[in-house]
C-alpha atoms as a PDB file:
ATOM      1  CA  MET A   1      19.874 -57.125   0.950  1.00  0.00           C
ATOM      2  CA  THR A   2      21.623 -56.376   4.230  1.00  0.00           C
ATOM      3  CA  ALA A   3      19.768 -55.662   7.493  1.00  0.00           C
ATOM      4  CA  ILE A   4      21.377 -53.017   9.710  1.00  0.00           C
ATOM      5  CA  LEU A   5      20.139 -52.762  13.304  1.00  0.00           C
ATOM      6  CA  ASN A   6      18.951 -49.310  14.338  1.00  0.00           C
ATOM      7  CA  GLY A   7      17.990 -48.004  17.772  1.00  0.00           C
ATOM      8  CA  HIS A   8      14.428 -46.821  17.174  1.00  0.00           C
ATOM      9  CA  LEU A   9      12.602 -49.451  19.199  1.00  0.00           C
ATOM     10  CA  PHE A  10      15.355 -49.706  21.799  1.00  0.00           C
ATOM     11  CA  GLN A  11      14.820 -46.005  22.502  1.00  0.00           C
ATOM     12  CA  ASN A  12      11.128 -46.858  22.966  1.00  0.00           C
ATOM     13  CA  LYS A  13      11.715 -50.023  25.000  1.00  0.00           C
ATOM     14  CA  ILE A  14       8.798 -49.493  27.400  1.00  0.00           C
ATOM     15  CA  PHE A  15       6.350 -48.968  24.505  1.00  0.00           C
ATOM     16  CA  ALA A  16       7.741 -52.014  22.669  1.00  0.00           C
ATOM     17  CA  GLU A  17       7.347 -54.182  25.762  1.00  0.00           C
ATOM     18  CA  LYS A  18       3.759 -52.987  26.296  1.00  0.00           C
ATOM     19  CA  ALA A  19       3.003 -53.778  22.653  1.00  0.00           C
ATOM     20  CA  GLY A  20       4.540 -57.226  23.070  1.00  0.00           C
ATOM     21  CA  VAL A  21       7.223 -56.744  20.429  1.00  0.00           C
ATOM     22  CA  GLY A  22      10.990 -56.934  20.619  1.00  0.00           C
ATOM     23  CA  THR A  23      13.311 -53.973  20.432  1.00  0.00           C
ATOM     24  CA  ASP A  24      15.181 -54.986  17.274  1.00  0.00           C
ATOM     25  CA  ALA A  25      14.470 -52.661  14.357  1.00  0.00           C
ATOM     26  CA  CYS A  26      16.396 -52.545  11.101  1.00  0.00           C
ATOM     27  CA  SER A  27      17.252 -50.347   8.186  1.00  0.00           C
ATOM     28  CA  PHE A  28      18.012 -52.160   4.946  1.00  0.00           C
ATOM     29  CA  ALA A  29      20.624 -51.833   2.221  1.00  0.00           C
ATOM     30  CA  PHE A  30      19.588 -53.236  -1.151  1.00  0.00           C
ATOM     31  CA  ARG A  31      22.167 -53.853  -3.845  1.00  0.00           C
ATOM     32  CA  GLU A  32      20.890 -52.049  -6.920  1.00  0.00           C
ATOM     33  CA  LYS A  33      23.725 -53.277  -9.148  1.00  0.00           C
ATOM     34  CA  PRO A  34      27.240 -54.495  -8.417  1.00  0.00           C
ATOM     35  CA  GLY A  35      28.840 -52.059  -5.984  1.00  0.00           C
ATOM     36  CA  LYS A  36      25.848 -49.698  -5.771  1.00  0.00           C
ATOM     37  CA  PHE A  37      23.223 -49.674  -3.049  1.00  0.00           C
ATOM     38  CA  VAL A  38      19.925 -48.164  -1.950  1.00  0.00           C
ATOM     39  CA  ILE A  39      19.481 -47.702   1.816  1.00  0.00           C
ATOM     40  CA  TYR A  40      15.993 -47.691   3.331  1.00  0.00           C
ATOM     41  CA  THR A  41      15.165 -46.643   6.886  1.00  0.00           C
ATOM     42  CA  SER A  42      11.842 -46.946   8.610  1.00  0.00           C
ATOM     43  CA  ASP A  43      11.432 -45.062  11.886  1.00  0.00           C
ATOM     44  CA  ILE A  44      14.860 -44.373  13.338  1.00  0.00           C
ATOM     45  CA  ASP A  45      16.256 -42.456  16.287  1.00  0.00           C
ATOM     46  CA  SER A  46      19.304 -41.188  14.352  1.00  0.00           C
ATOM     47  CA  LEU A  47      21.488 -42.126  11.387  1.00  0.00           C
ATOM     48  CA  ASN A  48      24.359 -43.214  13.659  1.00  0.00           C
ATOM     49  CA  HIS A  49      23.695 -46.878  12.928  1.00  0.00           C
ATOM     50  CA  LEU A  50      24.726 -46.204   9.311  1.00  0.00           C
ATOM     51  CA  SER A  51      27.961 -44.375  10.138  1.00  0.00           C
ATOM     52  CA  GLY A  52      30.097 -47.446   9.401  1.00  0.00           C
ATOM     53  CA  TRP A  53      28.455 -48.131   6.035  1.00  0.00           C
ATOM     54  CA  LYS A  54      31.212 -48.027   3.417  1.00  0.00           C
ATOM     55  CA  GLN A  55      29.447 -49.130   0.220  1.00  0.00           C
ATOM     56  CA  GLN A  56      28.710 -46.669  -2.564  1.00  0.00           C
ATOM     57  CA  THR A  57      25.069 -45.707  -2.172  1.00  0.00           C
ATOM     58  CA  GLN A  58      22.955 -44.191  -4.930  1.00  0.00           C
ATOM     59  CA  LEU A  59      19.828 -43.423  -2.914  1.00  0.00           C
ATOM     60  CA  LEU A  60      18.955 -42.940   0.752  1.00  0.00           C
ATOM     61  CA  ILE A  61      15.268 -43.441   1.532  1.00  0.00           C
ATOM     62  CA  SER A  62      14.772 -42.012   5.009  1.00  0.00           C
ATOM     63  CA  GLU A  63      11.916 -41.014   7.236  1.00  0.00           C
ATOM     64  CA  CYS A  64      11.917 -37.397   8.407  1.00  0.00           C
ATOM     65  CA  THR A  65       9.617 -37.400  11.417  1.00  0.00           C
ATOM     66  CA  HIS A  66      12.123 -38.636  14.006  1.00  0.00           C
ATOM     67  CA  VAL A  67      15.237 -37.316  12.221  1.00  0.00           C
ATOM     68  CA  ASP A  68      15.248 -33.790  10.812  1.00  0.00           C
ATOM     69  CA  ILE A  69      15.839 -33.135   7.130  1.00  0.00           C
ATOM     70  CA  GLU A  70      19.084 -31.200   7.673  1.00  0.00           C
ATOM     71  CA  THR A  71      20.568 -34.211   9.488  1.00  0.00           C
ATOM     72  CA  VAL A  72      19.618 -36.504   6.602  1.00  0.00           C
ATOM     73  CA  ILE A  73      21.130 -34.087   4.070  1.00  0.00           C
ATOM     74  CA  ARG A  74      24.393 -33.750   6.037  1.00  0.00           C
ATOM     75  CA  PHE A  75      24.648 -37.542   6.300  1.00  0.00           C
ATOM     76  CA  ALA A  76      24.132 -37.920   2.531  1.00  0.00           C
ATOM     77  CA  GLU A  77      26.740 -35.230   1.847  1.00  0.00           C
ATOM     78  CA  GLU A  78      29.284 -36.950   4.105  1.00  0.00           C
ATOM     79  CA  LYS A  79      28.658 -40.339   2.466  1.00  0.00           C
ATOM     80  CA  ALA A  80      28.506 -38.853  -1.083  1.00  0.00           C
ATOM     81  CA  ILE A  81      24.972 -40.173  -1.613  1.00  0.00           C
ATOM     82  CA  PRO A  82      23.581 -38.261  -4.607  1.00  0.00           C
ATOM     83  CA  GLN A  83      19.843 -38.761  -3.960  1.00  0.00           C
ATOM     84  CA  ILE A  84      17.506 -38.624  -0.956  1.00  0.00           C
ATOM     85  CA  LEU A  85      13.875 -39.702  -0.923  1.00  0.00           C
ATOM     86  CA  LEU A  86      12.088 -38.642   2.265  1.00  0.00           C
ATOM     87  CA  THR A  87       9.154 -40.557   3.744  1.00  0.00           C
ATOM     88  CA  HIS A  88       7.022 -40.368   6.912  1.00  0.00           C
ATOM     89  CA  ILE A  89       6.715 -36.633   6.379  1.00  0.00           C
ATOM     90  CA  PRO A  90       5.218 -34.608   9.240  1.00  0.00           C
ATOM     91  CA  PRO A  91       2.645 -31.885   8.395  1.00  0.00           C
ATOM     92  CA  GLN A  92       4.983 -29.027   9.349  1.00  0.00           C
ATOM     93  CA  ILE A  93       7.333 -30.004   6.505  1.00  0.00           C
ATOM     94  CA  GLU A  94       4.690 -29.400   3.796  1.00  0.00           C
ATOM     95  CA  SER A  95       5.335 -25.652   3.766  1.00  0.00           C
ATOM     96  CA  VAL A  96       9.109 -25.994   3.246  1.00  0.00           C
ATOM     97  CA  LYS A  97       9.234 -28.866   0.739  1.00  0.00           C
ATOM     98  CA  ASP A  98      10.075 -26.573  -2.177  1.00  0.00           C
ATOM     99  CA  THR A  99      13.083 -25.162  -0.317  1.00  0.00           C
ATOM    100  CA  TYR A 100      14.638 -28.626  -0.192  1.00  0.00           C
ATOM    101  CA  GLN A 101      13.497 -29.877  -3.606  1.00  0.00           C
ATOM    102  CA  ASP A 102      14.988 -26.821  -5.325  1.00  0.00           C
ATOM    103  CA  ARG A 103      18.510 -27.438  -3.981  1.00  0.00           C
ATOM    104  CA  SER A 104      21.155 -27.044  -6.678  1.00  0.00           C
ATOM    105  CA  ASP A 105      23.882 -28.915  -4.783  1.00  0.00           C
ATOM    106  CA  PRO A 106      23.840 -32.672  -4.307  1.00  0.00           C
ATOM    107  CA  PRO A 107      22.193 -34.550  -2.826  1.00  0.00           C
ATOM    108  CA  SER A 108      18.928 -34.063  -4.654  1.00  0.00           C
ATOM    109  CA  VAL A 109      15.944 -34.216  -2.290  1.00  0.00           C
ATOM    110  CA  LYS A 110      12.527 -35.636  -3.156  1.00  0.00           C
ATOM    111  CA  PHE A 111       9.478 -36.303  -1.021  1.00  0.00           C
ATOM    112  CA  ALA A 112       7.506 -39.535  -1.268  1.00  0.00           C
ATOM    113  CA  SER A 113       3.724 -39.626  -1.364  1.00  0.00           C
ATOM    114  CA  ASP A 114       1.168 -42.346  -1.911  1.00  0.00           C
ATOM    115  CA  GLY A 115       1.095 -43.554  -5.500  1.00  0.00           C
ATOM    116  CA  LYS A 116       4.186 -41.599  -6.580  1.00  0.00           C
ATOM    117  CA  TRP A 117       6.952 -43.493  -8.451  1.00  0.00           C
ATOM    118  CA  PHE A 118      10.665 -42.727  -8.479  1.00  0.00           C
ATOM    119  CA  GLU A 119      13.383 -44.156 -10.693  1.00  0.00           C
ATOM    120  CA  VAL A 120      16.790 -45.006  -9.278  1.00  0.00           C
END
């Protein structure tokens, strides 16, 4: 596992200080098997912190409340990541889920929900 600093809490420095927490927040890259990774983001301000990531990634698990879905898809296309699993889904996305899940071009897009399992 590799921790990769992201800017989410730094962007919310005043809130973090009021809450008594630091401003370091991380995304994580987990090695699935030799040379293949899964990247997980919690709340993020952008995907810029992952721009230098060079490892072959099989799955990007990303929130889509603070970063829009199209940005996540473009990032996965640029990095040749074949699968996206979206979390932290805002209510306004519910009505357009099918549009993204029915994509014929990679990356495939899935939406997480409580109790749902996905295989990598």
